[in-house]
Structures are given as C-alpha cells and as structure tokens.
Amino acid sequence: MRYDLHIHSKYSLDGLIEPEIIVKTAKNQGLSGIAVTDHHTIRGGLETKKISPEDLEVIVGSEIGTERGEVIGLFLSEEIVSHRLVEVVDEIREQDGLVVLPHPFDQLRGSGIQPAKEDAKLADCVEIFNSRCLRDSYNEKARIYAEKHSLHGSAGSDAHFAREIGNASVNISSGNLRKDLLKGNFTILGRKSSLINLGLTEIVKTWRKTVPR
C-alpha cells in the first residue's frame, strides 16, 4: 500500500490542482492513499476526502509556517490557528494528529526547520524523502537526524502540480498508516522532481497574490 504524504491543492497559495484531479492522478499512479497538506488550511484535504472513492484513503493535513519554519500536521479535523512552533505542535496533538518536520534541511528553499537536538521532542516523524529536495544531502541529513533522535520517517512528493503526485511514497503492508508510521514499519520509494517545477511554483505564487481570491 503506497501513500504520498505531502500534496498541495489549489487551496495553497502556490498550488493549482483541483481535488478531482488529485484523486484521479493518485488512482492512476496506483496510490492507496494521500495526504493533502495545503499551506495554512485543511480545506483541500476536506474537499478531497469528500470526493475520494473508498479505495483511496485521504488524510487531512496542513503545512503551517512558524517562526522557525514549516511543520506538517496529519490526521487533522480542525484548522491550526497558531503560528508559533510550540503552539502549532500543541494544536496538532490536541487533535490527535501527527507532527511531521517537512524538508528540514533544505537550504535551497529555506522554508523548513533546521532542527536541533532539543527539537526532537516536538516531532513524531521527519520527512526523510521529499521529492523537491534537489540535493540528495538534504534528504540524507533528515534521515540521519531522524535515526539519531529515534524518530521515524515520512515521505512525500510535495506536489504542486498533478504530474508530481506519486513521486514519493511510504509503503506499508498492515493497512494502518498511523500505526506503521509510528512503529517504522514501512519502506520508502522516491524520485526527485524537476527544478522547473520549483520555478513554476514561484511564478504561480506571485501570480495568485495579484488575483482576488
């Protein structure tokens, strides 16, 4: 069972994908499940979950910017309203969600947290493969940090365009994603996205800032 745990829909400022297209593409890619993790909102996850077929599990999530960098919450039911790291983590856990550190060492984008030893207690998982980390060293540093601090991994395409969906996945066998993530019972498959996609995302973000929403 393959899960892409980091996808952005049109409800992200820098995203364009309609929920219907996310579902169709995920099915075409042979995914068993996806996490829709829009910036600062769970709306994309909720809308995608509404229309998903029974054989595609949709995890509602969000990628929240904090004063230290971005954090992903998975298995959310309510919007995260805080923007301070510790408070965001508290809000996620109050919803019985999982806290994931996405692309933590990606210096090219600079939006991830650069976690120190004491930050390990704030996370449940570390994204050890992000398809948009163009340098292998960024994902490798995340993997080393997770191992050093006894944290389990996660993986996601970080898709902002439909063609990126499924570029990375967590592969489980039990059928219980939360359980397998927390026990480390999974393998990871992934391939890197193109630099072109990162550039196009910046163009989309700039354009959408000028368009009334």
Protein backbone atom coordinates (compact mmCIF):
# COMPACT_ATOMS: atom_id res chain seq x y z
CA MET A 1 0.00 0.00 0.00
CA ARG A 2 1.56 3.26 -1.18
CA TYR A 3 0.91 6.66 0.40
CA ASP A 4 2.13 10.04 -0.84
CA LEU A 5 2.06 12.12 2.35
CA HIS A 6 2.71 15.65 1.05
CA ILE A 7 0.44 17.09 -1.67
CA HIS A 8 -0.80 20.64 -2.27
CA SER A 9 -4.12 21.52 -3.90
CA LYS A 10 -5.49 24.78 -5.28
CA TYR A 11 -6.15 25.84 -1.69
CA SER A 12 -2.45 26.55 -1.26
CA LEU A 13 -1.37 29.98 -2.45
CA ASP A 14 1.24 28.32 -4.65
CA GLY A 15 -0.97 25.42 -5.81
CA LEU A 16 -3.32 24.88 -8.71
CA ILE A 17 -4.56 21.28 -8.53
CA GLU A 18 -8.29 20.68 -8.24
CA PRO A 19 -9.26 17.98 -5.71
CA GLU A 20 -10.85 15.94 -8.52
CA ILE A 21 -7.53 15.92 -10.38
CA ILE A 22 -5.66 14.90 -7.23
CA VAL A 23 -7.94 11.89 -6.81
CA LYS A 24 -7.77 10.89 -10.48
CA THR A 25 -3.98 11.21 -10.60
CA ALA A 26 -3.46 9.34 -7.34
CA LYS A 27 -5.56 6.47 -8.65
CA ASN A 28 -3.69 6.44 -11.96
CA GLN A 29 -0.40 6.31 -10.04
CA GLY A 30 -1.59 3.26 -8.10
CA LEU A 31 -1.57 5.01 -4.74
CA SER A 32 -3.55 3.58 -1.83
CA GLY A 33 -3.69 6.89 -0.03
CA ILE A 34 -2.60 10.51 0.00
CA ALA A 35 -2.21 13.35 2.47
CA VAL A 36 -3.37 16.75 1.26
CA THR A 37 -1.28 19.25 3.19
CA ASP A 38 -2.10 22.74 1.98
CA HIS A 39 -0.39 25.78 3.41
CA HIS A 40 -2.27 27.10 6.44
CA THR A 41 -5.54 25.29 5.72
CA ILE A 42 -7.17 21.86 5.83
CA ARG A 43 -9.76 22.83 3.24
CA GLY A 44 -8.03 20.98 0.42
CA GLY A 45 -7.87 17.80 2.48
CA LEU A 46 -11.53 18.05 3.46
CA GLU A 47 -12.67 18.70 -0.11
CA THR A 48 -10.56 15.86 -1.49
CA LYS A 49 -11.77 13.46 1.18
CA LYS A 50 -15.40 14.22 0.28
CA ILE A 51 -14.99 13.04 -3.30
CA SER A 52 -12.46 10.24 -2.86
CA PRO A 53 -13.52 6.65 -3.62
CA GLU A 54 -13.46 4.02 -0.90
CA ASP A 55 -10.21 2.53 -2.17
CA LEU A 56 -8.26 5.79 -1.84
CA GLU A 57 -7.59 6.92 1.73
CA VAL A 58 -7.29 10.69 2.11
CA ILE A 59 -5.51 12.04 5.19
CA VAL A 60 -6.46 15.61 6.01
CA GLY A 61 -3.40 17.69 6.79
CA SER A 62 -1.85 21.12 6.64
CA GLU A 63 1.62 22.64 6.28
CA ILE A 64 1.90 25.51 8.72
CA GLY A 65 4.53 28.22 8.68
CA THR A 66 6.02 29.12 12.05
CA GLU A 67 8.75 31.46 13.27
CA ARG A 68 11.18 28.53 12.91
CA GLY A 69 9.94 27.10 9.63
CA GLU A 70 7.21 24.81 8.35
CA VAL A 71 5.51 21.96 10.19
CA ILE A 72 3.03 19.43 8.82
CA GLY A 73 0.09 18.16 10.79
CA LEU A 74 -1.52 14.91 9.64
CA PHE A 75 -4.91 13.48 10.63
CA LEU A 76 -6.40 16.89 11.36
CA SER A 77 -10.05 17.77 11.84
CA GLU A 78 -9.79 21.50 12.57
CA GLU A 79 -7.75 24.41 11.26
CA ILE A 80 -4.48 25.23 13.02
CA VAL A 81 -4.68 28.87 14.07
CA SER A 82 -1.33 29.36 15.81
CA HIS A 83 1.90 30.31 14.07
CA ARG A 84 4.39 29.75 16.87
CA LEU A 85 6.11 26.39 16.65
CA VAL A 86 5.36 25.08 20.14
CA GLU A 87 1.74 26.23 19.94
CA VAL A 88 1.28 24.67 16.49
CA VAL A 89 2.62 21.35 17.79
CA ASP A 90 0.23 21.55 20.76
CA GLU A 91 -2.73 22.21 18.47
CA ILE A 92 -1.88 19.27 16.24
CA ARG A 93 -1.54 16.91 19.19
CA GLU A 94 -4.76 18.17 20.77
CA GLN A 95 -6.47 16.85 17.62
CA ASP A 96 -4.64 13.51 17.97
CA GLY A 97 -2.70 14.43 14.85
CA LEU A 98 0.87 13.57 13.94
CA VAL A 99 3.61 16.21 13.75
CA VAL A 100 5.94 15.91 10.76
CA LEU A 101 9.01 18.05 10.03
CA PRO A 102 8.99 18.56 6.23
CA HIS A 103 12.19 19.05 4.22
CA PRO A 104 14.00 20.14 7.42
CA PHE A 105 17.47 20.67 5.97
CA ASP A 106 16.63 22.03 2.53
CA GLN A 107 18.71 25.20 2.43
CA LEU A 108 17.81 25.93 -1.19
CA ARG A 109 14.18 26.63 -0.33
CA GLY A 110 14.87 27.69 3.23
CA SER A 111 11.32 27.11 4.45
CA GLY A 112 12.00 24.06 6.60
CA ILE A 113 13.01 23.98 10.23
CA GLN A 114 16.70 23.44 10.94
CA PRO A 115 16.05 21.18 13.94
CA ALA A 116 18.40 21.00 16.89
CA LYS A 117 18.67 18.15 19.38
CA GLU A 118 16.07 19.65 21.68
CA ASP A 119 13.52 19.93 18.85
CA ALA A 120 13.24 16.15 18.50
CA LYS A 121 10.60 16.03 21.24
CA LEU A 122 8.32 18.24 19.15
CA ALA A 123 8.07 15.80 16.23
CA ASP A 124 6.52 12.41 15.61
CA CYS A 125 8.11 11.94 12.19
CA VAL A 126 10.72 13.55 9.98
CA GLU A 127 10.26 13.76 6.23
CA ILE A 128 13.33 11.84 5.13
CA PHE A 129 12.46 11.91 1.44
CA ASN A 130 10.94 14.98 -0.19
CA SER A 131 10.89 14.91 -3.99
CA ARG A 132 11.50 18.65 -4.20
CA CYS A 133 14.78 18.43 -2.27
CA LEU A 134 17.03 18.79 -5.28
CA ARG A 135 20.22 17.92 -3.42
CA ASP A 136 20.49 14.38 -2.05
CA SER A 137 22.30 15.74 1.00
CA TYR A 138 19.13 17.47 2.25
CA ASN A 139 17.17 14.23 2.47
CA GLU A 140 20.21 12.42 3.82
CA LYS A 141 20.61 14.93 6.66
CA ALA A 142 16.94 14.46 7.51
CA ARG A 143 17.39 10.69 7.61
CA ILE A 144 20.45 10.96 9.86
CA TYR A 145 18.65 13.36 12.21
CA ALA A 146 15.67 11.01 12.48
CA GLU A 147 17.87 7.99 13.24
CA LYS A 148 19.99 9.88 15.76
CA HIS A 149 16.94 11.02 17.71
CA SER A 150 14.86 7.84 17.38
CA LEU A 151 12.24 9.45 15.17
CA HIS A 152 10.54 7.65 12.33
CA GLY A 153 10.43 8.84 8.77
CA SER A 154 7.90 10.06 6.27
CA ALA A 155 7.96 10.75 2.55
CA GLY A 156 6.05 12.90 0.12
CA SER A 157 6.21 14.34 -3.35
CA ASP A 158 5.44 17.88 -2.13
CA ALA A 159 3.42 18.02 -5.35
CA HIS A 160 2.15 21.39 -6.51
CA PHE A 161 1.37 20.07 -9.99
CA ALA A 162 -0.51 16.88 -10.86
CA ARG A 163 2.47 15.37 -12.68
CA GLU A 164 4.40 15.28 -9.38
CA ILE A 165 1.85 13.22 -7.43
CA GLY A 166 3.31 9.84 -6.52
CA ASN A 167 6.93 10.93 -6.95
CA ALA A 168 7.50 9.74 -3.36
CA SER A 169 5.65 7.30 -1.17
CA VAL A 170 5.64 5.45 2.12
CA ASN A 171 4.89 1.77 1.51
CA ILE A 172 3.12 -0.18 4.25
CA SER A 173 1.57 -3.63 4.49
CA SER A 174 -0.71 -3.61 7.53
CA GLY A 175 -3.36 -1.24 6.20
CA ASN A 176 -2.98 1.06 9.21
CA LEU A 177 -0.88 4.05 8.18
CA ARG A 178 -0.73 5.79 11.56
CA LYS A 179 0.35 2.60 13.32
CA ASP A 180 3.01 1.77 10.76
CA LEU A 181 4.41 5.32 10.69
CA LEU A 182 4.83 5.37 14.46
CA LYS A 183 6.42 1.92 14.52
CA GLY A 184 8.62 2.50 11.50
CA ASN A 185 7.05 -0.40 9.63
CA PHE A 186 7.45 0.92 6.10
CA THR A 187 9.75 1.38 3.17
CA ILE A 188 10.22 4.50 1.08
CA LEU A 189 10.31 4.92 -2.67
CA GLY A 190 11.03 8.23 -4.33
CA ARG A 191 12.37 10.15 -7.25
CA LYS A 192 13.31 13.80 -7.44
CA SER A 193 11.15 16.44 -9.02
CA SER A 194 12.44 18.87 -11.60
CA LEU A 195 13.91 22.28 -10.88
CA ILE A 196 11.41 23.55 -13.43
CA ASN A 197 8.55 22.64 -11.10
CA LEU A 198 10.05 24.71 -8.29
CA GLY A 199 10.42 27.67 -10.62
CA LEU A 200 6.86 27.36 -11.88
CA THR A 201 5.60 27.23 -8.31
CA GLU A 202 7.18 30.61 -7.58
CA ILE A 203 5.51 32.01 -10.69
CA VAL A 204 2.14 30.63 -9.58
CA LYS A 205 2.58 32.12 -6.10
CA THR A 206 3.44 35.57 -7.50
CA TRP A 207 0.51 35.46 -9.94
CA ARG A 208 -2.03 34.37 -7.35
CA LYS A 209 -1.02 37.14 -5.00
CA THR A 210 -2.26 39.60 -7.62
CA VAL A 211 -5.57 37.79 -8.26
CA PRO A 212 -8.51 38.34 -5.88
CA ARG A 213 -9.46 35.08 -4.14
